[in-house]
Amino acid sequence: MQRRAGGNALIGRELYPLLDQAGYHSIRVSPRMVYVDSSKPEWVEGFTRKTFTAMTEGIREAAIHSGLIEQQVFDQGIRDLYRTTERDGVFCYTFFKAVGSK
């Protein structure tokens, strides 16, 4: 996988082998899903708007200038993220948590 600016979009799927190779045992990896709809207004504002969308907006210039994505495509993605914060919108994302013993 090509990595840019030190990022790895597949890191969640690589946690088990990374911890195993590092000598950990009793490794457990679990998905942690975030689901947000308008029934949770504090999550709409705090997570979808102020965390996830703000984080994504923060890399706009770097992503466009590096040629990773075209400006209009990036901007449409941001509009789509904000669309998830509307009354009938839904946002869903999965993080991964890994623990092990050494």
C-alpha atoms as a PDB file:
ATOM      1  CA  MET A   1       0.000   0.000   0.000  1.00  0.00           C
ATOM      2  CA  GLN A   2       1.213   3.464  -0.836  1.00  0.00           C
ATOM      3  CA  ARG A   3       1.599   5.673   2.215  1.00  0.00           C
ATOM      4  CA  ARG A   4       1.597   9.451   2.157  1.00  0.00           C
ATOM      5  CA  ALA A   5       2.734  11.745   4.940  1.00  0.00           C
ATOM      6  CA  GLY A   6       3.238   8.730   7.195  1.00  0.00           C
ATOM      7  CA  GLY A   7      -0.412   7.631   7.047  1.00  0.00           C
ATOM      8  CA  ASN A   8      -1.699   4.096   6.651  1.00  0.00           C
ATOM      9  CA  ALA A   9      -5.380   3.668   5.823  1.00  0.00           C
ATOM     10  CA  LEU A  10      -5.173  -0.060   6.564  1.00  0.00           C
ATOM     11  CA  ILE A  11      -3.584   0.179  10.011  1.00  0.00           C
ATOM     12  CA  GLY A  12      -6.630  -1.303  11.739  1.00  0.00           C
ATOM     13  CA  ARG A  13      -6.296  -4.475   9.688  1.00  0.00           C
ATOM     14  CA  GLU A  14      -2.577  -4.635  10.397  1.00  0.00           C
ATOM     15  CA  LEU A  15      -2.724  -4.306  14.182  1.00  0.00           C
ATOM     16  CA  TYR A  16      -2.735  -8.015  14.987  1.00  0.00           C
ATOM     17  CA  PRO A  17       0.298  -8.927  12.853  1.00  0.00           C
ATOM     18  CA  LEU A  18       2.194  -5.827  14.015  1.00  0.00           C
ATOM     19  CA  LEU A  19       1.677  -6.645  17.679  1.00  0.00           C
ATOM     20  CA  ASP A  20       2.454 -10.311  17.058  1.00  0.00           C
ATOM     21  CA  GLN A  21       5.704  -9.460  15.270  1.00  0.00           C
ATOM     22  CA  ALA A  22       6.613  -7.105  18.130  1.00  0.00           C
ATOM     23  CA  GLY A  23       6.405 -10.006  20.588  1.00  0.00           C
ATOM     24  CA  TYR A  24       3.042  -9.350  22.215  1.00  0.00           C
ATOM     25  CA  HIS A  25       0.771 -12.214  23.233  1.00  0.00           C
ATOM     26  CA  SER A  26      -2.887 -12.502  24.214  1.00  0.00           C
ATOM     27  CA  ILE A  27      -3.583 -10.004  21.443  1.00  0.00           C
ATOM     28  CA  ARG A  28      -7.139  -8.833  20.995  1.00  0.00           C
ATOM     29  CA  VAL A  29      -8.262  -6.520  18.206  1.00  0.00           C
ATOM     30  CA  SER A  30     -11.801  -5.223  18.141  1.00  0.00           C
ATOM     31  CA  PRO A  31     -13.685  -2.820  15.885  1.00  0.00           C
ATOM     32  CA  ARG A  32     -15.130   0.267  17.543  1.00  0.00           C
ATOM     33  CA  MET A  33     -17.956   1.671  15.482  1.00  0.00           C
ATOM     34  CA  VAL A  34     -19.175   5.247  15.818  1.00  0.00           C
ATOM     35  CA  TYR A  35     -22.747   5.700  14.643  1.00  0.00           C
ATOM     36  CA  VAL A  36     -24.298   9.177  14.709  1.00  0.00           C
ATOM     37  CA  ASP A  37     -27.744  10.382  13.676  1.00  0.00           C
ATOM     38  CA  SER A  38     -29.887  13.373  14.664  1.00  0.00           C
ATOM     39  CA  SER A  39     -31.180  11.566  17.749  1.00  0.00           C
ATOM     40  CA  LYS A  40     -27.718  12.260  19.228  1.00  0.00           C
ATOM     41  CA  PRO A  41     -27.237  16.020  18.667  1.00  0.00           C
ATOM     42  CA  GLU A  42     -24.200  16.183  20.952  1.00  0.00           C
ATOM     43  CA  TRP A  43     -22.478  13.540  18.791  1.00  0.00           C
ATOM     44  CA  VAL A  44     -23.514  15.281  15.559  1.00  0.00           C
ATOM     45  CA  GLU A  45     -21.848  18.473  16.784  1.00  0.00           C
ATOM     46  CA  GLY A  46     -18.980  17.074  18.826  1.00  0.00           C
ATOM     47  CA  PHE A  47     -17.880  14.134  16.715  1.00  0.00           C
ATOM     48  CA  THR A  48     -19.178  14.480  13.162  1.00  0.00           C
ATOM     49  CA  ARG A  49     -18.716  18.248  12.795  1.00  0.00           C
ATOM     50  CA  LYS A  50     -15.985  19.234  15.238  1.00  0.00           C
ATOM     51  CA  THR A  51     -13.836  16.117  15.140  1.00  0.00           C
ATOM     52  CA  PHE A  52     -14.108  14.004  11.989  1.00  0.00           C
ATOM     53  CA  THR A  53     -15.117  16.664   9.457  1.00  0.00           C
ATOM     54  CA  ALA A  54     -12.796  19.292  10.969  1.00  0.00           C
ATOM     55  CA  MET A  55      -9.891  16.815  10.886  1.00  0.00           C
ATOM     56  CA  THR A  56     -10.596  16.050   7.233  1.00  0.00           C
ATOM     57  CA  GLU A  57     -10.924  19.739   6.326  1.00  0.00           C
ATOM     58  CA  GLY A  58      -7.557  20.319   7.974  1.00  0.00           C
ATOM     59  CA  ILE A  59      -5.687  18.329   5.334  1.00  0.00           C
ATOM     60  CA  ARG A  60      -7.413  19.987   2.356  1.00  0.00           C
ATOM     61  CA  GLU A  61      -4.492  22.050   1.057  1.00  0.00           C
ATOM     62  CA  ALA A  62      -1.917  19.301   1.534  1.00  0.00           C
ATOM     63  CA  ALA A  63      -4.117  16.696  -0.163  1.00  0.00           C
ATOM     64  CA  ILE A  64      -4.829  18.946  -3.155  1.00  0.00           C
ATOM     65  CA  HIS A  65      -1.269  20.254  -3.556  1.00  0.00           C
ATOM     66  CA  SER A  66       0.207  16.760  -3.360  1.00  0.00           C
ATOM     67  CA  GLY A  67      -2.050  15.627  -6.206  1.00  0.00           C
ATOM     68  CA  LEU A  68      -3.768  13.082  -4.018  1.00  0.00           C
ATOM     69  CA  ILE A  69      -7.205  14.445  -4.922  1.00  0.00           C
ATOM     70  CA  GLU A  70      -8.727  17.131  -7.105  1.00  0.00           C
ATOM     71  CA  GLN A  71     -10.078  20.238  -5.376  1.00  0.00           C
ATOM     72  CA  GLN A  72     -13.674  19.772  -6.521  1.00  0.00           C
ATOM     73  CA  VAL A  73     -13.704  16.131  -5.425  1.00  0.00           C
ATOM     74  CA  PHE A  74     -12.318  16.994  -1.981  1.00  0.00           C
ATOM     75  CA  ASP A  75     -14.799  19.848  -1.555  1.00  0.00           C
ATOM     76  CA  GLN A  76     -17.703  17.583  -2.563  1.00  0.00           C
ATOM     77  CA  GLY A  77     -16.575  15.074   0.049  1.00  0.00           C
ATOM     78  CA  ILE A  78     -16.643  17.780   2.714  1.00  0.00           C
ATOM     79  CA  ARG A  79     -20.126  18.827   1.618  1.00  0.00           C
ATOM     80  CA  ASP A  80     -21.164  15.178   1.844  1.00  0.00           C
ATOM     81  CA  LEU A  81     -19.770  14.931   5.379  1.00  0.00           C
ATOM     82  CA  TYR A  82     -21.729  18.014   6.418  1.00  0.00           C
ATOM     83  CA  ARG A  83     -24.799  16.483   4.775  1.00  0.00           C
ATOM     84  CA  THR A  84     -24.585  13.647   7.313  1.00  0.00           C
ATOM     85  CA  THR A  85     -25.229  16.218  10.066  1.00  0.00           C
ATOM     86  CA  GLU A  86     -28.674  17.114   8.736  1.00  0.00           C
ATOM     87  CA  ARG A  87     -31.859  15.847  10.386  1.00  0.00           C
ATOM     88  CA  ASP A  88     -32.085  12.806   8.089  1.00  0.00           C
ATOM     89  CA  GLY A  89     -28.325  12.247   7.866  1.00  0.00           C
ATOM     90  CA  VAL A  90     -26.329   9.363   9.277  1.00  0.00           C
ATOM     91  CA  PHE A  91     -22.589   9.089   9.937  1.00  0.00           C
ATOM     92  CA  CYS A  92     -20.874   5.771  10.591  1.00  0.00           C
ATOM     93  CA  TYR A  93     -17.154   5.054  10.996  1.00  0.00           C
ATOM     94  CA  THR A  94     -15.131   2.159  12.379  1.00  0.00           C
ATOM     95  CA  PHE A  95     -11.960   2.486  14.448  1.00  0.00           C
ATOM     96  CA  PHE A  96      -9.926  -0.430  15.776  1.00  0.00           C
ATOM     97  CA  LYS A  97      -8.625  -1.064  19.279  1.00  0.00           C
ATOM     98  CA  ALA A  98      -5.813  -3.501  19.951  1.00  0.00           C
ATOM     99  CA  VAL A  99      -4.468  -4.738  23.272  1.00  0.00           C
ATOM    100  CA  GLY A 100      -1.840  -7.299  24.135  1.00  0.00           C
ATOM    101  CA  SER A 101       0.625  -8.317  26.823  1.00  0.00           C
ATOM    102  CA  LYS A 102       4.388  -8.324  26.635  1.00  0.00           C
END
